Amino acid sequence: MISKTTQRAILRWIHLTFAIPILGYIYSPFEEIPNYAPAVRFVFVPVIICAGYWMYSGVFFAIIGVALWLGAYRLSGVGVAILSQVALFIVW
């Protein structure tokens, strides 16, 4: 088993590394956004959410947060997915 300090450092680097493609998504030309969109929405954002929540409150909270994000996004869109994350923080 690795120590909490090492685990936190690994999660922090995962969190920061997976945030880099989101900058490309935000600052890329408008014509190229459809190329980035699926990967950002379904890979990078959930990994960032998982790593952040894991550092914040543990693996159980991280799994709930990612499942809530993916479910809300698939069913209702990005606005509801963001609101679901806010509600999760308020309730938890």
Foldseek 3Di string as FASTA:
>chain_A
DDDPVVLLVVLVVQLVVLCVVVVCLVPPPPVCNVVSPVCCQLPSVLSNQLSVVCNVPRNVLSVVLSVLLVVCCVPPRDVSSVVSNVVSVVVD
